[in-house]
Amino acid sequence: MRITLTLDPDVAAKARKGAAKLGKPFKEVVNTALRAGLEVVLAPPAAKPYRTKPRSLGLREGFSCDNISELLARSEGEDHA
């Protein structure tokens, strides 16, 4: 397929230098570079797993789990319905 593509001067120079060094045609070097680069650009980056460090919260001082009604009354207030 024939297409017109505008390359930045530094990219074009690097591709021409690479083609001369490898002894390959310019378009072959550009196509190879595009294939390799498109794989990287189009692939989504691997998500890092989200980690949290567990921490014991416990009960505040003065609270007890022995009497749930009292615990609820103290934490929510006596008038809470």
PDB file of N, CA and C in Angstrom:
ATOM      1  N   MET A   1       0.839  -1.155   0.000  1.00  0.00           N
ATOM      2  CA  MET A   1       0.000   0.000   0.000  1.00  0.00           C
ATOM      3  C   MET A   1       0.900   1.238   0.000  1.00  0.00           C
ATOM      4  N   ARG A   2       0.546   2.187  -0.791  1.00  0.00           N
ATOM      5  CA  ARG A   2       1.321   3.416  -0.877  1.00  0.00           C
ATOM      6  C   ARG A   2       0.595   4.489  -0.083  1.00  0.00           C
ATOM      7  N   ILE A   3       1.355   5.211   0.757  1.00  0.00           N
ATOM      8  CA  ILE A   3       0.786   6.258   1.591  1.00  0.00           C
ATOM      9  C   ILE A   3       1.843   7.341   1.789  1.00  0.00           C
ATOM     10  N   THR A   4       1.385   8.565   1.936  1.00  0.00           N
ATOM     11  CA  THR A   4       2.312   9.665   2.213  1.00  0.00           C
ATOM     12  C   THR A   4       2.380   9.846   3.717  1.00  0.00           C
ATOM     13  N   LEU A   5       3.590   9.920   4.225  1.00  0.00           N
ATOM     14  CA  LEU A   5       3.804  10.024   5.659  1.00  0.00           C
ATOM     15  C   LEU A   5       4.859  11.091   5.902  1.00  0.00           C
ATOM     16  N   THR A   6       4.576  11.997   6.835  1.00  0.00           N
ATOM     17  CA  THR A   6       5.552  13.033   7.174  1.00  0.00           C
ATOM     18  C   THR A   6       6.291  12.610   8.435  1.00  0.00           C
ATOM     19  N   LEU A   7       7.593  12.470   8.313  1.00  0.00           N
ATOM     20  CA  LEU A   7       8.428  12.091   9.452  1.00  0.00           C
ATOM     21  C   LEU A   7       9.123  13.324  10.000  1.00  0.00           C
ATOM     22  N   ASP A   8       9.304  13.347  11.298  1.00  0.00           N
ATOM     23  CA  ASP A   8      10.112  14.406  11.901  1.00  0.00           C
ATOM     24  C   ASP A   8      11.541  14.242  11.393  1.00  0.00           C
ATOM     25  N   PRO A   9      12.265  15.363  11.261  1.00  0.00           N
ATOM     26  CA  PRO A   9      13.625  15.278  10.703  1.00  0.00           C
ATOM     27  C   PRO A   9      14.545  14.321  11.462  1.00  0.00           C
ATOM     28  N   ASP A  10      14.448  14.296  12.791  1.00  0.00           N
ATOM     29  CA  ASP A  10      15.335  13.406  13.553  1.00  0.00           C
ATOM     30  C   ASP A  10      14.989  11.945  13.324  1.00  0.00           C
ATOM     31  N   VAL A  11      13.692  11.642  13.163  1.00  0.00           N
ATOM     32  CA  VAL A  11      13.261  10.260  12.909  1.00  0.00           C
ATOM     33  C   VAL A  11      13.713   9.815  11.526  1.00  0.00           C
ATOM     34  N   ALA A  12      13.532  10.687  10.540  1.00  0.00           N
ATOM     35  CA  ALA A  12      13.949  10.355   9.172  1.00  0.00           C
ATOM     36  C   ALA A  12      15.457  10.126   9.102  1.00  0.00           C
ATOM     37  N   ALA A  13      16.214  10.978   9.796  1.00  0.00           N
ATOM     38  CA  ALA A  13      17.677  10.828   9.776  1.00  0.00           C
ATOM     39  C   ALA A  13      18.090   9.511  10.422  1.00  0.00           C
ATOM     40  N   LYS A  14      17.440   9.184  11.529  1.00  0.00           N
ATOM     41  CA  LYS A  14      17.774   7.932  12.221  1.00  0.00           C
ATOM     42  C   LYS A  14      17.436   6.717  11.339  1.00  0.00           C
ATOM     43  N   ALA A  15      16.287   6.782  10.654  1.00  0.00           N
ATOM     44  CA  ALA A  15      15.886   5.673   9.777  1.00  0.00           C
ATOM     45  C   ALA A  15      16.841   5.547   8.589  1.00  0.00           C
ATOM     46  N   ARG A  16      17.232   6.674   8.003  1.00  0.00           N
ATOM     47  CA  ARG A  16      18.182   6.622   6.874  1.00  0.00           C
ATOM     48  C   ARG A  16      19.543   6.073   7.321  1.00  0.00           C
ATOM     49  N   LYS A  17      19.988   6.508   8.491  1.00  0.00           N
ATOM     50  CA  LYS A  17      21.265   6.029   9.023  1.00  0.00           C
ATOM     51  C   LYS A  17      21.194   4.521   9.294  1.00  0.00           C
ATOM     52  N   GLY A  18      20.068   4.077   9.864  1.00  0.00           N
ATOM     53  CA  GLY A  18      19.878   2.651  10.127  1.00  0.00           C
ATOM     54  C   GLY A  18      19.821   1.829   8.854  1.00  0.00           C
ATOM     55  N   ALA A  19      19.152   2.364   7.828  1.00  0.00           N
ATOM     56  CA  ALA A  19      19.065   1.663   6.540  1.00  0.00           C
ATOM     57  C   ALA A  19      20.451   1.513   5.914  1.00  0.00           C
ATOM     58  N   ALA A  20      21.235   2.574   5.986  1.00  0.00           N
ATOM     59  CA  ALA A  20      22.592   2.514   5.420  1.00  0.00           C
ATOM     60  C   ALA A  20      23.458   1.523   6.196  1.00  0.00           C
ATOM     61  N   LYS A  21      23.322   1.548   7.521  1.00  0.00           N
ATOM     62  CA  LYS A  21      24.121   0.655   8.365  1.00  0.00           C
ATOM     63  C   LYS A  21      23.772  -0.813   8.122  1.00  0.00           C
ATOM     64  N   LEU A  22      22.458  -1.091   7.963  1.00  0.00           N
ATOM     65  CA  LEU A  22      22.008  -2.473   7.761  1.00  0.00           C
ATOM     66  C   LEU A  22      22.069  -2.912   6.299  1.00  0.00           C
ATOM     67  N   GLY A  23      22.243  -1.952   5.390  1.00  0.00           N
ATOM     68  CA  GLY A  23      22.259  -2.281   3.963  1.00  0.00           C
ATOM     69  C   GLY A  23      20.882  -2.703   3.469  1.00  0.00           C
ATOM     70  N   LYS A  24      19.841  -2.148   4.077  1.00  0.00           N
ATOM     71  CA  LYS A  24      18.461  -2.476   3.697  1.00  0.00           C
ATOM     72  C   LYS A  24      17.778  -1.218   3.170  1.00  0.00           C
ATOM     73  N   PRO A  25      16.724  -1.402   2.381  1.00  0.00           N
ATOM     74  CA  PRO A  25      15.996  -0.238   1.877  1.00  0.00           C
ATOM     75  C   PRO A  25      15.343   0.557   3.023  1.00  0.00           C
ATOM     76  N   PHE A  26      15.248   1.869   2.795  1.00  0.00           N
ATOM     77  CA  PHE A  26      14.666   2.776   3.775  1.00  0.00           C
ATOM     78  C   PHE A  26      13.271   2.316   4.188  1.00  0.00           C
ATOM     79  N   LYS A  27      12.423   1.977   3.208  1.00  0.00           N
ATOM     80  CA  LYS A  27      11.040   1.612   3.537  1.00  0.00           C
ATOM     81  C   LYS A  27      10.977   0.327   4.364  1.00  0.00           C
ATOM     82  N   GLU A  28      11.914  -0.599   4.162  1.00  0.00           N
ATOM     83  CA  GLU A  28      11.934  -1.831   4.957  1.00  0.00           C
ATOM     84  C   GLU A  28      12.281  -1.528   6.419  1.00  0.00           C
ATOM     85  N   VAL A  29      13.245  -0.643   6.619  1.00  0.00           N
ATOM     86  CA  VAL A  29      13.630  -0.251   7.976  1.00  0.00           C
ATOM     87  C   VAL A  29      12.462   0.460   8.665  1.00  0.00           C
ATOM     88  N   VAL A  30      11.807   1.364   7.956  1.00  0.00           N
ATOM     89  CA  VAL A  30      10.661   2.096   8.526  1.00  0.00           C
ATOM     90  C   VAL A  30       9.529   1.128   8.857  1.00  0.00           C
ATOM     91  N   ASN A  31       9.209   0.212   7.959  1.00  0.00           N
ATOM     92  CA  ASN A  31       8.138  -0.762   8.222  1.00  0.00           C
ATOM     93  C   ASN A  31       8.458  -1.657   9.415  1.00  0.00           C
ATOM     94  N   THR A  32       9.699  -2.104   9.520  1.00  0.00           N
ATOM     95  CA  THR A  32      10.110  -2.938  10.652  1.00  0.00           C
ATOM     96  C   THR A  32      10.005  -2.163  11.959  1.00  0.00           C
ATOM     97  N   ALA A  33      10.455  -0.926  11.931  1.00  0.00           N
ATOM     98  CA  ALA A  33      10.385  -0.087  13.132  1.00  0.00           C
ATOM     99  C   ALA A  33       8.928   0.187  13.516  1.00  0.00           C
ATOM    100  N   LEU A  34       8.081   0.447  12.545  1.00  0.00           N
ATOM    101  CA  LEU A  34       6.658   0.678  12.831  1.00  0.00           C
ATOM    102  C   LEU A  34       5.995  -0.564  13.415  1.00  0.00           C
ATOM    103  N   ARG A  35       6.300  -1.720  12.863  1.00  0.00           N
ATOM    104  CA  ARG A  35       5.708  -2.952  13.403  1.00  0.00           C
ATOM    105  C   ARG A  35       6.087  -3.138  14.869  1.00  0.00           C
ATOM    106  N   ALA A  36       7.375  -2.973  15.153  1.00  0.00           N
ATOM    107  CA  ALA A  36       7.846  -3.151  16.531  1.00  0.00           C
ATOM    108  C   ALA A  36       7.275  -2.067  17.435  1.00  0.00           C
ATOM    109  N   GLY A  37       7.263  -0.836  16.966  1.00  0.00           N
ATOM    110  CA  GLY A  37       6.775   0.275  17.779  1.00  0.00           C
ATOM    111  C   GLY A  37       5.286   0.237  18.006  1.00  0.00           C
ATOM    112  N   LEU A  38       4.525  -0.167  17.003  1.00  0.00           N
ATOM    113  CA  LEU A  38       3.064  -0.221  17.154  1.00  0.00           C
ATOM    114  C   LEU A  38       2.648  -1.264  18.175  1.00  0.00           C
ATOM    115  N   GLU A  39       3.377  -2.357  18.261  1.00  0.00           N
ATOM    116  CA  GLU A  39       3.073  -3.374  19.275  1.00  0.00           C
ATOM    117  C   GLU A  39       3.165  -2.773  20.670  1.00  0.00           C
ATOM    118  N   VAL A  40       4.174  -1.957  20.879  1.00  0.00           N
ATOM    119  CA  VAL A  40       4.386  -1.337  22.195  1.00  0.00           C
ATOM    120  C   VAL A  40       3.365  -0.234  22.436  1.00  0.00           C
ATOM    121  N   VAL A  41       3.135   0.600  21.434  1.00  0.00           N
ATOM    122  CA  VAL A  41       2.237   1.747  21.593  1.00  0.00           C
ATOM    123  C   VAL A  41       0.788   1.300  21.778  1.00  0.00           C
ATOM    124  N   LEU A  42       0.359   0.307  21.039  1.00  0.00           N
ATOM    125  CA  LEU A  42      -1.046  -0.103  21.075  1.00  0.00           C
ATOM    126  C   LEU A  42      -1.383  -1.070  22.201  1.00  0.00           C
ATOM    127  N   ALA A  43      -0.383  -1.692  22.799  1.00  0.00           N
ATOM    128  CA  ALA A  43      -0.635  -2.623  23.904  1.00  0.00           C
ATOM    129  C   ALA A  43      -0.839  -1.819  25.187  1.00  0.00           C
ATOM    130  N   PRO A  44      -1.897  -2.105  25.914  1.00  0.00           N
ATOM    131  CA  PRO A  44      -2.088  -1.371  27.169  1.00  0.00           C
ATOM    132  C   PRO A  44      -1.021  -1.764  28.183  1.00  0.00           C
ATOM    133  N   PRO A  45      -0.584  -0.814  28.989  1.00  0.00           N
ATOM    134  CA  PRO A  45       0.429  -1.153  29.989  1.00  0.00           C
ATOM    135  C   PRO A  45      -0.152  -2.097  31.035  1.00  0.00           C
ATOM    136  N   ALA A  46       0.674  -2.969  31.530  1.00  0.00           N
ATOM    137  CA  ALA A  46       0.231  -3.920  32.551  1.00  0.00           C
ATOM    138  C   ALA A  46      -0.093  -3.152  33.829  1.00  0.00           C
ATOM    139  N   ALA A  47      -1.266  -3.413  34.364  1.00  0.00           N
ATOM    140  CA  ALA A  47      -1.683  -2.730  35.588  1.00  0.00           C
ATOM    141  C   ALA A  47      -0.960  -3.337  36.783  1.00  0.00           C
ATOM    142  N   LYS A  48      -0.479  -2.466  37.636  1.00  0.00           N
ATOM    143  CA  LYS A  48       0.171  -2.940  38.849  1.00  0.00           C
ATOM    144  C   LYS A  48      -0.919  -3.318  39.846  1.00  0.00           C
ATOM    145  N   PRO A  49      -0.767  -4.442  40.511  1.00  0.00           N
ATOM    146  CA  PRO A  49      -1.794  -4.819  41.483  1.00  0.00           C
ATOM    147  C   PRO A  49      -1.832  -3.826  42.637  1.00  0.00           C
ATOM    148  N   TYR A  50      -3.030  -3.487  43.054  1.00  0.00           N
ATOM    149  CA  TYR A  50      -3.201  -2.554  44.159  1.00  0.00           C
ATOM    150  C   TYR A  50      -3.150  -3.337  45.461  1.00  0.00           C
ATOM    151  N   ARG A  51      -2.316  -2.916  46.340  1.00  0.00           N
ATOM    152  CA  ARG A  51      -2.150  -3.615  47.616  1.00  0.00           C
ATOM    153  C   ARG A  51      -2.402  -2.643  48.762  1.00  0.00           C
ATOM    154  N   THR A  52      -3.053  -3.138  49.782  1.00  0.00           N
ATOM    155  CA  THR A  52      -3.222  -2.369  51.011  1.00  0.00           C
ATOM    156  C   THR A  52      -2.635  -3.179  52.154  1.00  0.00           C
ATOM    157  N   LYS A  53      -2.181  -2.475  53.141  1.00  0.00           N
ATOM    158  CA  LYS A  53      -1.623  -3.153  54.302  1.00  0.00           C
ATOM    159  C   LYS A  53      -2.710  -3.203  55.379  1.00  0.00           C
ATOM    160  N   PRO A  54      -3.074  -4.400  55.810  1.00  0.00           N
ATOM    161  CA  PRO A  54      -4.103  -4.508  56.847  1.00  0.00           C
ATOM    162  C   PRO A  54      -3.603  -3.945  58.170  1.00  0.00           C
ATOM    163  N   ARG A  55      -4.540  -3.403  58.898  1.00  0.00           N
ATOM    164  CA  ARG A  55      -4.191  -2.819  60.180  1.00  0.00           C
ATOM    165  C   ARG A  55      -5.330  -3.087  61.152  1.00  0.00           C
ATOM    166  N   SER A  56      -5.014  -3.537  62.328  1.00  0.00           N
ATOM    167  CA  SER A  56      -6.030  -3.816  63.323  1.00  0.00           C
ATOM    168  C   SER A  56      -6.572  -2.497  63.859  1.00  0.00           C
ATOM    169  N   LEU A  57      -7.877  -2.316  63.717  1.00  0.00           N
ATOM    170  CA  LEU A  57      -8.485  -1.087  64.205  1.00  0.00           C
ATOM    171  C   LEU A  57      -8.979  -1.237  65.638  1.00  0.00           C
ATOM    172  N   GLY A  58      -9.470  -2.432  65.947  1.00  0.00           N
ATOM    173  CA  GLY A  58      -9.937  -2.680  67.310  1.00  0.00           C
ATOM    174  C   GLY A  58     -11.031  -1.714  67.728  1.00  0.00           C
ATOM    175  N   LEU A  59     -11.372  -1.736  68.984  1.00  0.00           N
ATOM    176  CA  LEU A  59     -12.357  -0.819  69.529  1.00  0.00           C
ATOM    177  C   LEU A  59     -11.653   0.310  70.251  1.00  0.00           C
ATOM    178  N   ARG A  60     -12.306   1.468  70.259  1.00  0.00           N
ATOM    179  CA  ARG A  60     -11.742   2.583  71.018  1.00  0.00           C
ATOM    180  C   ARG A  60     -11.761   2.246  72.500  1.00  0.00           C
ATOM    181  N   GLU A  61     -10.882   2.846  73.216  1.00  0.00           N
ATOM    182  CA  GLU A  61     -10.782   2.600  74.645  1.00  0.00           C
ATOM    183  C   GLU A  61     -12.111   2.950  75.322  1.00  0.00           C
ATOM    184  N   GLY A  62     -12.571   2.063  76.227  1.00  0.00           N
ATOM    185  CA  GLY A  62     -13.822   2.287  76.933  1.00  0.00           C
ATOM    186  C   GLY A  62     -14.995   1.570  76.297  1.00  0.00           C
ATOM    187  N   PHE A  63     -14.827   1.029  75.090  1.00  0.00           N
ATOM    188  CA  PHE A  63     -15.891   0.290  74.415  1.00  0.00           C
ATOM    189  C   PHE A  63     -15.622  -1.203  74.576  1.00  0.00           C
ATOM    190  N   SER A  64     -16.713  -1.987  74.629  1.00  0.00           N
ATOM    191  CA  SER A  64     -16.577  -3.423  74.788  1.00  0.00           C
ATOM    192  C   SER A  64     -17.574  -4.126  73.878  1.00  0.00           C
ATOM    193  N   CYS A  65     -17.193  -5.284  73.370  1.00  0.00           N
ATOM    194  CA  CYS A  65     -18.086  -6.076  72.515  1.00  0.00           C
ATOM    195  C   CYS A  65     -19.000  -6.974  73.342  1.00  0.00           C
ATOM    196  N   ASP A  66     -18.847  -6.974  74.649  1.00  0.00           N
ATOM    197  CA  ASP A  66     -19.644  -7.857  75.506  1.00  0.00           C
ATOM    198  C   ASP A  66     -21.123  -7.496  75.483  1.00  0.00           C
ATOM    199  N   ASN A  67     -21.453  -6.216  75.397  1.00  0.00           N
ATOM    200  CA  ASN A  67     -22.842  -5.784  75.415  1.00  0.00           C
ATOM    201  C   ASN A  67     -23.079  -4.932  74.163  1.00  0.00           C
ATOM    202  N   ILE A  68     -23.633  -5.562  73.117  1.00  0.00           N
ATOM    203  CA  ILE A  68     -23.818  -4.899  71.825  1.00  0.00           C
ATOM    204  C   ILE A  68     -24.779  -3.719  71.947  1.00  0.00           C
ATOM    205  N   SER A  69     -25.838  -3.854  72.733  1.00  0.00           N
ATOM    206  CA  SER A  69     -26.805  -2.756  72.896  1.00  0.00           C
ATOM    207  C   SER A  69     -26.124  -1.522  73.466  1.00  0.00           C
ATOM    208  N   GLU A  70     -25.301  -1.720  74.472  1.00  0.00           N
ATOM    209  CA  GLU A  70     -24.586  -0.596  75.076  1.00  0.00           C
ATOM    210  C   GLU A  70     -23.596   0.009  74.083  1.00  0.00           C
ATOM    211  N   LEU A  71     -22.918  -0.846  73.324  1.00  0.00           N
ATOM    212  CA  LEU A  71     -21.959  -0.382  72.325  1.00  0.00           C
ATOM    213  C   LEU A  71     -22.651   0.481  71.278  1.00  0.00           C
ATOM    214  N   LEU A  72     -23.805   0.024  70.773  1.00  0.00           N
ATOM    215  CA  LEU A  72     -24.558   0.795  69.777  1.00  0.00           C
ATOM    216  C   LEU A  72     -25.052   2.105  70.373  1.00  0.00           C
ATOM    217  N   ALA A  73     -25.550   2.039  71.588  1.00  0.00           N
ATOM    218  CA  ALA A  73     -26.059   3.252  72.237  1.00  0.00           C
ATOM    219  C   ALA A  73     -24.934   4.284  72.402  1.00  0.00           C
ATOM    220  N   ARG A  74     -23.771   3.839  72.783  1.00  0.00           N
ATOM    221  CA  ARG A  74     -22.651   4.769  73.011  1.00  0.00           C
ATOM    222  C   ARG A  74     -22.104   5.319  71.694  1.00  0.00           C
ATOM    223  N   SER A  75     -22.080   4.481  70.657  1.00  0.00           N
ATOM    224  CA  SER A  75     -21.502   4.934  69.396  1.00  0.00           C
ATOM    225  C   SER A  75     -22.477   5.754  68.561  1.00  0.00           C
ATOM    226  N   GLU A  76     -23.779   5.425  68.633  1.00  0.00           N
ATOM    227  CA  GLU A  76     -24.774   6.121  67.809  1.00  0.00           C
ATOM    228  C   GLU A  76     -25.570   7.151  68.615  1.00  0.00           C
ATOM    229  N   GLY A  77     -25.546   7.046  69.900  1.00  0.00           N
ATOM    230  CA  GLY A  77     -26.308   7.959  70.729  1.00  0.00           C
ATOM    231  C   GLY A  77     -27.602   7.295  71.174  1.00  0.00           C
ATOM    232  N   GLU A  78     -28.091   7.679  72.324  1.00  0.00           N
ATOM    233  CA  GLU A  78     -29.295   7.054  72.899  1.00  0.00           C
ATOM    234  C   GLU A  78     -30.537   7.315  72.057  1.00  0.00           C
ATOM    235  N   ASP A  79     -30.601   8.472  71.380  1.00  0.00           N
ATOM    236  CA  ASP A  79     -31.812   8.840  70.629  1.00  0.00           C
ATOM    237  C   ASP A  79     -31.833   8.279  69.216  1.00  0.00           C
ATOM    238  N   HIS A  80     -30.812   7.554  68.838  1.00  0.00           N
ATOM    239  CA  HIS A  80     -30.762   6.995  67.481  1.00  0.00           C
ATOM    240  C   HIS A  80     -31.797   5.901  67.333  1.00  0.00           C
ATOM    241  N   ALA A  81     -32.580   5.982  66.248  1.00  0.00           N
ATOM    242  CA  ALA A  81     -33.654   4.978  66.039  1.00  0.00           C
ATOM    243  C   ALA A  81     -33.205   3.856  65.143  1.00  0.00           C
TER     244      ALA A  81
END
